[in-house]
Amino acid sequence: MDIARILAVCVVATVLVVLLRSQRPEIAIWLSIVTGVIVFGAMLGHISFLVRALTDLASRTKSGNVYFTTVLKVIGVAYLAGFGAEVCRDAGEGAIATKLEFAGKVIILVMALPVLVAVLETITRFLR
């Protein structure tokens, strides 16, 4: 079971980080980052399956992959910004984490703008 292995890796890493943080904080940060990369790597198969399933579903709709690609990119930016912000917080840099989250939100809004415009155009056409 994947979650049991991931839980074991995370618990062991957490214990090590807590033990190392006071004496070797630079190693603790790297251990935290490496653990995040390991978890992400373990999820790649699941992410790939999810993307394939959603791509198949999107190809059956009228709009096809036009909006689906944007949605996937937005989700990716959200996860990456969140992961990066948590790494910053682990390093004690809450201010940088907040700025990274802000940047992620702005990028998401820019990426979602074409979808928003299409929705608004559809609504205006419907109301005429």
Protein backbone atom coordinates (compact mmCIF):
# COMPACT_ATOMS: atom_id res chain seq x y z
CA MET A 1 0.00 0.00 0.00
CA ASP A 2 1.51 3.30 -1.13
CA ILE A 3 0.25 5.41 1.74
CA ALA A 4 1.86 3.13 4.34
CA ARG A 5 5.29 3.50 2.69
CA ILE A 6 4.86 7.25 2.32
CA LEU A 7 3.72 7.53 5.93
CA ALA A 8 6.79 5.57 7.07
CA VAL A 9 9.16 7.79 5.06
CA CYS A 10 7.49 10.95 6.37
CA VAL A 11 7.46 9.84 10.01
CA VAL A 12 11.12 8.80 9.91
CA ALA A 13 12.06 12.05 8.16
CA THR A 14 10.08 14.09 10.66
CA VAL A 15 11.80 12.45 13.62
CA LEU A 16 15.21 13.03 12.01
CA VAL A 17 14.39 16.65 11.18
CA VAL A 18 13.26 17.32 14.74
CA LEU A 19 16.46 15.75 16.11
CA LEU A 20 18.72 17.60 13.65
CA ARG A 21 17.05 21.01 13.62
CA SER A 22 18.67 22.31 16.80
CA GLN A 23 22.24 21.23 15.98
CA ARG A 24 22.37 21.06 12.17
CA PRO A 25 19.49 23.13 10.73
CA GLU A 26 20.96 23.13 7.21
CA ILE A 27 20.83 19.32 7.09
CA ALA A 28 17.31 19.35 8.53
CA ILE A 29 16.12 21.65 5.72
CA TRP A 30 17.70 19.46 3.05
CA LEU A 31 16.19 16.35 4.60
CA SER A 32 12.79 18.02 4.50
CA ILE A 33 13.24 18.96 0.84
CA VAL A 34 14.47 15.50 -0.13
CA THR A 35 11.51 13.93 1.66
CA GLY A 36 9.16 16.14 -0.32
CA VAL A 37 10.85 15.10 -3.56
CA ILE A 38 10.59 11.42 -2.58
CA VAL A 39 6.88 11.77 -1.84
CA PHE A 40 6.34 13.63 -5.11
CA GLY A 41 8.25 10.93 -6.99
CA ALA A 42 6.17 8.23 -5.35
CA MET A 43 3.03 10.01 -6.54
CA LEU A 44 4.11 10.38 -10.18
CA GLY A 45 2.41 7.12 -11.20
CA HIS A 46 -0.85 8.21 -9.59
CA ILE A 47 -0.58 11.69 -11.09
CA SER A 48 0.05 10.19 -14.53
CA PHE A 49 -3.01 7.94 -14.20
CA LEU A 50 -5.14 10.88 -13.07
CA VAL A 51 -3.99 13.07 -15.98
CA ARG A 52 -4.70 10.27 -18.49
CA ALA A 53 -8.16 9.64 -17.04
CA LEU A 54 -9.03 13.34 -17.04
CA THR A 55 -7.64 13.79 -20.56
CA ASP A 56 -9.84 10.95 -21.76
CA LEU A 57 -12.84 12.52 -20.05
CA ALA A 58 -12.06 15.97 -21.48
CA SER A 59 -11.70 14.58 -25.01
CA ARG A 60 -15.33 13.39 -24.84
CA THR A 61 -16.66 16.89 -24.21
CA LYS A 62 -17.43 19.56 -26.80
CA SER A 63 -14.65 21.88 -25.68
CA GLY A 64 -12.11 19.04 -25.66
CA ASN A 65 -8.73 19.82 -24.21
CA VAL A 66 -8.92 23.61 -24.56
CA TYR A 67 -9.88 24.33 -20.95
CA PHE A 68 -8.54 21.09 -19.54
CA THR A 69 -4.93 22.04 -20.23
CA THR A 70 -5.40 25.33 -18.42
CA VAL A 71 -6.99 23.59 -15.44
CA LEU A 72 -4.07 21.14 -15.20
CA LYS A 73 -1.55 23.97 -15.38
CA VAL A 74 -3.40 25.89 -12.67
CA ILE A 75 -3.42 22.82 -10.43
CA GLY A 76 0.29 22.33 -11.06
CA VAL A 77 1.10 25.94 -10.17
CA ALA A 78 -1.01 25.69 -7.02
CA TYR A 79 0.75 22.53 -5.84
CA LEU A 80 4.23 23.83 -6.68
CA ALA A 81 3.63 27.17 -4.99
CA GLY A 82 2.21 25.40 -1.93
CA PHE A 83 5.13 22.98 -1.76
CA GLY A 84 7.66 25.79 -2.16
CA ALA A 85 5.93 27.88 0.48
CA GLU A 86 6.00 25.01 2.95
CA VAL A 87 9.73 24.51 2.31
CA CYS A 88 10.23 28.22 3.01
CA ARG A 89 8.21 27.95 6.23
CA ASP A 90 10.24 24.89 7.28
CA ALA A 91 13.34 27.05 6.85
CA GLY A 92 11.78 29.71 9.08
CA GLU A 93 11.11 32.11 6.20
CA GLY A 94 7.40 32.79 6.55
CA ALA A 95 7.63 36.13 4.75
CA ILE A 96 9.18 34.54 1.66
CA ALA A 97 6.56 31.77 1.81
CA THR A 98 3.79 34.36 1.77
CA LYS A 99 5.33 36.10 -1.23
CA LEU A 100 5.64 32.79 -3.09
CA GLU A 101 1.98 32.04 -2.41
CA PHE A 102 1.06 35.52 -3.67
CA ALA A 103 3.09 34.96 -6.86
CA GLY A 104 1.37 31.60 -7.37
CA LYS A 105 -2.06 33.20 -7.03
CA VAL A 106 -1.22 35.95 -9.53
CA ILE A 107 0.12 33.39 -12.02
CA ILE A 108 -3.04 31.30 -11.57
CA LEU A 109 -5.22 34.34 -12.25
CA VAL A 110 -3.25 35.17 -15.40
CA MET A 111 -3.48 31.57 -16.61
CA ALA A 112 -7.21 31.39 -15.86
CA LEU A 113 -8.01 34.70 -17.57
CA PRO A 114 -8.81 33.13 -21.00
CA VAL A 115 -11.23 30.71 -19.35
CA LEU A 116 -12.88 33.56 -17.44
CA VAL A 117 -13.21 35.60 -20.64
CA ALA A 118 -14.79 32.63 -22.46
CA VAL A 119 -17.28 32.13 -19.63
CA LEU A 120 -18.20 35.82 -19.59
CA GLU A 121 -18.61 35.85 -23.41
CA THR A 122 -20.86 32.79 -23.19
CA ILE A 123 -22.98 34.42 -20.50
CA THR A 124 -23.29 37.67 -22.50
CA ARG A 125 -24.30 35.76 -25.63
CA PHE A 126 -26.90 33.87 -23.64
CA LEU A 127 -28.36 37.08 -22.16
CA ARG A 128 -28.78 38.81 -25.55
